[in-house]
Amino acid sequence: MAKAKYHLLLCEPVNGEEAERIGLVSLCVPADELEEKAIEVARRLAAGSQPAIQHTKLALNNWLRAAGPAFDASLALEFLDMTGPDVAEGVAAVRERRAPKFPS
């Protein structure tokens, strides 16, 4: 949570390697190796115990469903933020290549 707060609150960019390191993505590979790695993972999953894989996926998805209300609130707040005056200032700052000046 601490890393998520840091990156979200400060809008810090995250490259693929850092995203993998802090758990935002499960795997990061160079673009030229992507298809080969995807096929390798798919083959390993296809060769595994299907009931075990299905039950693990079901159990993990239940955790995600439990987080649904928090996600809904997060999404609603994000939409509210995208309708306020800060959006115009942010866009202007990017276009003018300057730091934004948000009101306190």
N, C-alpha and C. Protein backbone atom coordinates (compact mmCIF):
# COMPACT_ATOMS: atom_id res chain seq x y z
N MET A 1 0.82 -1.20 0.00
CA MET A 1 0.00 0.00 0.00
C MET A 1 0.87 1.26 0.00
N ALA A 2 1.99 1.22 0.70
CA ALA A 2 2.84 2.40 0.77
C ALA A 2 3.37 2.79 -0.62
N LYS A 3 3.81 1.81 -1.39
CA LYS A 3 4.31 2.11 -2.74
C LYS A 3 3.17 2.61 -3.63
N ALA A 4 2.00 2.01 -3.50
CA ALA A 4 0.85 2.45 -4.30
C ALA A 4 0.52 3.90 -3.99
N LYS A 5 0.49 4.24 -2.71
CA LYS A 5 0.20 5.63 -2.33
C LYS A 5 1.26 6.57 -2.90
N TYR A 6 2.50 6.20 -2.78
CA TYR A 6 3.59 7.05 -3.28
C TYR A 6 3.40 7.35 -4.77
N HIS A 7 3.21 6.30 -5.56
CA HIS A 7 3.10 6.48 -7.00
C HIS A 7 1.79 7.17 -7.40
N LEU A 8 0.69 6.84 -6.73
CA LEU A 8 -0.59 7.44 -7.09
C LEU A 8 -0.69 8.89 -6.65
N LEU A 9 -0.26 9.20 -5.44
CA LEU A 9 -0.40 10.56 -4.93
C LEU A 9 0.57 11.54 -5.60
N LEU A 10 1.73 11.06 -6.00
CA LEU A 10 2.70 11.94 -6.64
C LEU A 10 2.72 11.82 -8.16
N CYS A 11 1.90 10.92 -8.69
CA CYS A 11 1.85 10.68 -10.14
C CYS A 11 3.23 10.33 -10.69
N GLU A 12 3.97 9.54 -9.94
CA GLU A 12 5.29 9.12 -10.37
C GLU A 12 5.16 8.08 -11.49
N PRO A 13 5.90 8.25 -12.56
CA PRO A 13 5.86 7.22 -13.61
C PRO A 13 6.52 5.93 -13.13
N VAL A 14 6.04 4.82 -13.66
CA VAL A 14 6.57 3.51 -13.29
C VAL A 14 6.91 2.76 -14.56
N ASN A 15 8.17 2.33 -14.70
CA ASN A 15 8.52 1.52 -15.87
C ASN A 15 8.17 0.06 -15.59
N GLY A 16 8.30 -0.77 -16.60
CA GLY A 16 7.91 -2.16 -16.47
C GLY A 16 8.63 -2.92 -15.37
N GLU A 17 9.93 -2.71 -15.27
CA GLU A 17 10.71 -3.43 -14.26
C GLU A 17 10.27 -3.05 -12.84
N GLU A 18 10.03 -1.76 -12.63
CA GLU A 18 9.58 -1.31 -11.31
C GLU A 18 8.18 -1.81 -11.02
N ALA A 19 7.31 -1.80 -12.03
CA ALA A 19 5.95 -2.31 -11.85
C ALA A 19 5.97 -3.77 -11.44
N GLU A 20 6.86 -4.53 -12.03
CA GLU A 20 6.99 -5.95 -11.66
C GLU A 20 7.54 -6.08 -10.25
N ARG A 21 8.54 -5.27 -9.92
CA ARG A 21 9.17 -5.36 -8.60
C ARG A 21 8.18 -5.06 -7.48
N ILE A 22 7.29 -4.09 -7.68
CA ILE A 22 6.38 -3.73 -6.60
C ILE A 22 5.03 -4.43 -6.72
N GLY A 23 4.89 -5.33 -7.68
CA GLY A 23 3.70 -6.17 -7.74
C GLY A 23 2.52 -5.59 -8.51
N LEU A 24 2.73 -4.56 -9.32
CA LEU A 24 1.63 -4.03 -10.12
C LEU A 24 1.35 -4.91 -11.33
N VAL A 25 2.36 -5.60 -11.82
CA VAL A 25 2.21 -6.56 -12.90
C VAL A 25 2.90 -7.84 -12.48
N SER A 26 2.48 -8.96 -13.05
CA SER A 26 3.06 -10.24 -12.64
C SER A 26 4.36 -10.57 -13.35
N LEU A 27 4.53 -10.04 -14.55
CA LEU A 27 5.72 -10.39 -15.33
C LEU A 27 6.01 -9.27 -16.32
N CYS A 28 7.29 -9.02 -16.51
CA CYS A 28 7.71 -7.98 -17.44
C CYS A 28 8.81 -8.57 -18.32
N VAL A 29 8.62 -8.49 -19.64
CA VAL A 29 9.63 -8.99 -20.58
C VAL A 29 9.82 -7.96 -21.69
N PRO A 30 10.98 -7.97 -22.34
CA PRO A 30 11.17 -7.07 -23.49
C PRO A 30 10.14 -7.38 -24.58
N ALA A 31 9.78 -6.37 -25.35
CA ALA A 31 8.75 -6.51 -26.38
C ALA A 31 9.04 -7.64 -27.36
N ASP A 32 10.30 -7.82 -27.73
CA ASP A 32 10.63 -8.86 -28.71
C ASP A 32 10.51 -10.27 -28.14
N GLU A 33 10.39 -10.40 -26.83
CA GLU A 33 10.24 -11.72 -26.19
C GLU A 33 8.81 -11.98 -25.73
N LEU A 34 7.92 -11.01 -25.93
CA LEU A 34 6.58 -11.09 -25.36
C LEU A 34 5.78 -12.28 -25.86
N GLU A 35 5.69 -12.45 -27.17
CA GLU A 35 4.87 -13.55 -27.71
C GLU A 35 5.41 -14.91 -27.28
N GLU A 36 6.72 -15.07 -27.33
CA GLU A 36 7.33 -16.34 -26.91
C GLU A 36 7.02 -16.64 -25.45
N LYS A 37 7.12 -15.62 -24.59
CA LYS A 37 6.85 -15.82 -23.16
C LYS A 37 5.38 -16.12 -22.92
N ALA A 38 4.49 -15.42 -23.64
CA ALA A 38 3.05 -15.66 -23.48
C ALA A 38 2.70 -17.09 -23.86
N ILE A 39 3.27 -17.59 -24.94
CA ILE A 39 3.01 -18.97 -25.37
C ILE A 39 3.56 -19.95 -24.34
N GLU A 40 4.75 -19.67 -23.82
CA GLU A 40 5.33 -20.54 -22.79
C GLU A 40 4.42 -20.62 -21.56
N VAL A 41 3.94 -19.49 -21.10
CA VAL A 41 3.05 -19.46 -19.93
C VAL A 41 1.75 -20.21 -20.24
N ALA A 42 1.19 -19.99 -21.42
CA ALA A 42 -0.05 -20.67 -21.80
C ALA A 42 0.14 -22.19 -21.85
N ARG A 43 1.29 -22.62 -22.38
CA ARG A 43 1.55 -24.07 -22.43
C ARG A 43 1.70 -24.66 -21.04
N ARG A 44 2.38 -23.93 -20.16
CA ARG A 44 2.55 -24.43 -18.79
C ARG A 44 1.20 -24.52 -18.08
N LEU A 45 0.34 -23.54 -18.29
CA LEU A 45 -0.99 -23.60 -17.69
C LEU A 45 -1.81 -24.74 -18.27
N ALA A 46 -1.72 -24.95 -19.59
CA ALA A 46 -2.47 -26.03 -20.23
C ALA A 46 -2.00 -27.40 -19.75
N ALA A 47 -0.73 -27.52 -19.39
CA ALA A 47 -0.18 -28.81 -18.96
C ALA A 47 -0.40 -29.05 -17.46
N GLY A 48 -0.84 -28.04 -16.74
CA GLY A 48 -1.02 -28.18 -15.29
C GLY A 48 -2.33 -28.85 -14.94
N SER A 49 -2.51 -29.10 -13.66
CA SER A 49 -3.75 -29.70 -13.15
C SER A 49 -4.87 -28.68 -13.31
N GLN A 50 -5.81 -28.98 -14.20
CA GLN A 50 -6.88 -28.03 -14.49
C GLN A 50 -7.78 -27.76 -13.28
N PRO A 51 -8.19 -28.78 -12.52
CA PRO A 51 -9.00 -28.46 -11.33
C PRO A 51 -8.24 -27.57 -10.32
N ALA A 52 -6.96 -27.84 -10.13
CA ALA A 52 -6.18 -27.02 -9.18
C ALA A 52 -6.07 -25.58 -9.69
N ILE A 53 -5.81 -25.42 -10.98
CA ILE A 53 -5.70 -24.08 -11.55
C ILE A 53 -7.04 -23.35 -11.46
N GLN A 54 -8.14 -24.05 -11.80
CA GLN A 54 -9.46 -23.43 -11.74
C GLN A 54 -9.83 -23.02 -10.32
N HIS A 55 -9.54 -23.89 -9.36
CA HIS A 55 -9.89 -23.58 -7.97
C HIS A 55 -9.03 -22.44 -7.42
N THR A 56 -7.77 -22.41 -7.80
CA THR A 56 -6.90 -21.30 -7.37
C THR A 56 -7.41 -19.99 -7.95
N LYS A 57 -7.75 -20.01 -9.22
CA LYS A 57 -8.28 -18.80 -9.87
C LYS A 57 -9.58 -18.36 -9.19
N LEU A 58 -10.47 -19.30 -8.89
CA LEU A 58 -11.72 -18.99 -8.22
C LEU A 58 -11.49 -18.36 -6.85
N ALA A 59 -10.56 -18.94 -6.09
CA ALA A 59 -10.27 -18.41 -4.76
C ALA A 59 -9.70 -17.00 -4.83
N LEU A 60 -8.78 -16.79 -5.76
CA LEU A 60 -8.20 -15.45 -5.90
C LEU A 60 -9.22 -14.44 -6.38
N ASN A 61 -10.09 -14.85 -7.31
CA ASN A 61 -11.13 -13.94 -7.79
C ASN A 61 -12.12 -13.58 -6.69
N ASN A 62 -12.33 -14.47 -5.73
CA ASN A 62 -13.20 -14.15 -4.59
C ASN A 62 -12.62 -13.01 -3.78
N TRP A 63 -11.30 -12.96 -3.65
CA TRP A 63 -10.66 -11.83 -2.95
C TRP A 63 -10.94 -10.54 -3.71
N LEU A 64 -10.87 -10.59 -5.03
CA LEU A 64 -11.15 -9.40 -5.83
C LEU A 64 -12.61 -8.96 -5.69
N ARG A 65 -13.53 -9.91 -5.66
CA ARG A 65 -14.94 -9.57 -5.49
C ARG A 65 -15.18 -8.92 -4.14
N ALA A 66 -14.47 -9.37 -3.13
CA ALA A 66 -14.63 -8.78 -1.79
C ALA A 66 -14.17 -7.33 -1.79
N ALA A 67 -13.22 -7.00 -2.66
CA ALA A 67 -12.71 -5.63 -2.74
C ALA A 67 -13.59 -4.75 -3.63
N GLY A 68 -14.65 -5.30 -4.18
CA GLY A 68 -15.51 -4.57 -5.10
C GLY A 68 -16.00 -3.23 -4.59
N PRO A 69 -16.55 -3.15 -3.36
CA PRO A 69 -17.03 -1.86 -2.87
C PRO A 69 -15.92 -0.80 -2.79
N ALA A 70 -14.74 -1.19 -2.40
CA ALA A 70 -13.63 -0.23 -2.35
C ALA A 70 -13.26 0.22 -3.76
N PHE A 71 -13.29 -0.70 -4.70
CA PHE A 71 -12.99 -0.33 -6.09
C PHE A 71 -14.06 0.61 -6.63
N ASP A 72 -15.33 0.32 -6.34
CA ASP A 72 -16.42 1.18 -6.80
C ASP A 72 -16.26 2.61 -6.28
N ALA A 73 -15.94 2.73 -4.99
CA ALA A 73 -15.74 4.06 -4.41
C ALA A 73 -14.54 4.75 -5.05
N SER A 74 -13.47 4.02 -5.27
CA SER A 74 -12.28 4.57 -5.91
C SER A 74 -12.59 5.10 -7.30
N LEU A 75 -13.32 4.32 -8.07
CA LEU A 75 -13.68 4.72 -9.43
C LEU A 75 -14.58 5.96 -9.42
N ALA A 76 -15.55 5.99 -8.51
CA ALA A 76 -16.44 7.14 -8.42
C ALA A 76 -15.66 8.41 -8.07
N LEU A 77 -14.75 8.31 -7.13
CA LEU A 77 -13.95 9.48 -6.74
C LEU A 77 -13.05 9.94 -7.88
N GLU A 78 -12.51 8.99 -8.62
CA GLU A 78 -11.67 9.36 -9.76
C GLU A 78 -12.49 10.11 -10.81
N PHE A 79 -13.70 9.65 -11.07
CA PHE A 79 -14.56 10.35 -12.02
C PHE A 79 -14.89 11.75 -11.53
N LEU A 80 -15.15 11.90 -10.24
CA LEU A 80 -15.42 13.24 -9.70
C LEU A 80 -14.21 14.15 -9.89
N ASP A 81 -13.03 13.63 -9.64
CA ASP A 81 -11.82 14.43 -9.80
C ASP A 81 -11.60 14.85 -11.25
N MET A 82 -12.05 14.04 -12.19
CA MET A 82 -11.84 14.35 -13.60
C MET A 82 -12.84 15.38 -14.12
N THR A 83 -13.79 15.82 -13.28
CA THR A 83 -14.77 16.82 -13.70
C THR A 83 -14.52 18.18 -13.06
N GLY A 84 -13.50 18.27 -12.22
CA GLY A 84 -13.23 19.51 -11.50
C GLY A 84 -12.28 20.44 -12.24
N PRO A 85 -12.02 21.61 -11.65
CA PRO A 85 -11.17 22.61 -12.29
C PRO A 85 -9.70 22.19 -12.39
N ASP A 86 -9.28 21.24 -11.58
CA ASP A 86 -7.88 20.81 -11.63
C ASP A 86 -7.51 20.19 -12.97
N VAL A 87 -8.49 19.59 -13.65
CA VAL A 87 -8.22 18.97 -14.94
C VAL A 87 -7.76 20.02 -15.95
N ALA A 88 -8.47 21.13 -15.99
CA ALA A 88 -8.11 22.19 -16.95
C ALA A 88 -6.71 22.72 -16.65
N GLU A 89 -6.40 22.91 -15.36
CA GLU A 89 -5.07 23.40 -15.00
C GLU A 89 -4.00 22.38 -15.36
N GLY A 90 -4.28 21.10 -15.13
CA GLY A 90 -3.32 20.06 -15.48
C GLY A 90 -3.05 20.00 -16.96
N VAL A 91 -4.10 20.07 -17.77
CA VAL A 91 -3.94 20.05 -19.22
C VAL A 91 -3.17 21.28 -19.69
N ALA A 92 -3.52 22.45 -19.14
CA ALA A 92 -2.81 23.68 -19.51
C ALA A 92 -1.33 23.58 -19.16
N ALA A 93 -1.02 23.03 -18.00
CA ALA A 93 0.37 22.90 -17.57
C ALA A 93 1.15 21.99 -18.52
N VAL A 94 0.54 20.90 -18.95
CA VAL A 94 1.21 19.99 -19.88
C VAL A 94 1.43 20.69 -21.22
N ARG A 95 0.41 21.36 -21.70
CA ARG A 95 0.53 22.04 -23.00
C ARG A 95 1.57 23.15 -22.97
N GLU A 96 1.64 23.85 -21.83
CA GLU A 96 2.58 24.97 -21.70
C GLU A 96 3.94 24.53 -21.14
N ARG A 97 4.09 23.23 -20.90
CA ARG A 97 5.34 22.65 -20.39
C ARG A 97 5.82 23.36 -19.13
N ARG A 98 4.92 23.40 -18.16
CA ARG A 98 5.23 24.02 -16.88
C ARG A 98 4.62 23.19 -15.77
N ALA A 99 5.02 23.48 -14.55
CA ALA A 99 4.44 22.79 -13.41
C ALA A 99 3.01 23.32 -13.18
N PRO A 100 2.07 22.45 -12.83
CA PRO A 100 0.71 22.93 -12.59
C PRO A 100 0.65 23.78 -11.32
N LYS A 101 -0.31 24.71 -11.30
CA LYS A 101 -0.53 25.57 -10.12
C LYS A 101 -1.93 25.30 -9.61
N PHE A 102 -2.07 24.26 -8.79
CA PHE A 102 -3.37 23.89 -8.24
C PHE A 102 -3.67 24.76 -7.03
N PRO A 103 -4.95 25.16 -6.84
CA PRO A 103 -5.28 25.96 -5.66
C PRO A 103 -5.14 25.11 -4.39
N SER A 104 -4.82 25.75 -3.30
CA SER A 104 -4.62 25.02 -2.02
C SER A 104 -5.94 24.65 -1.40
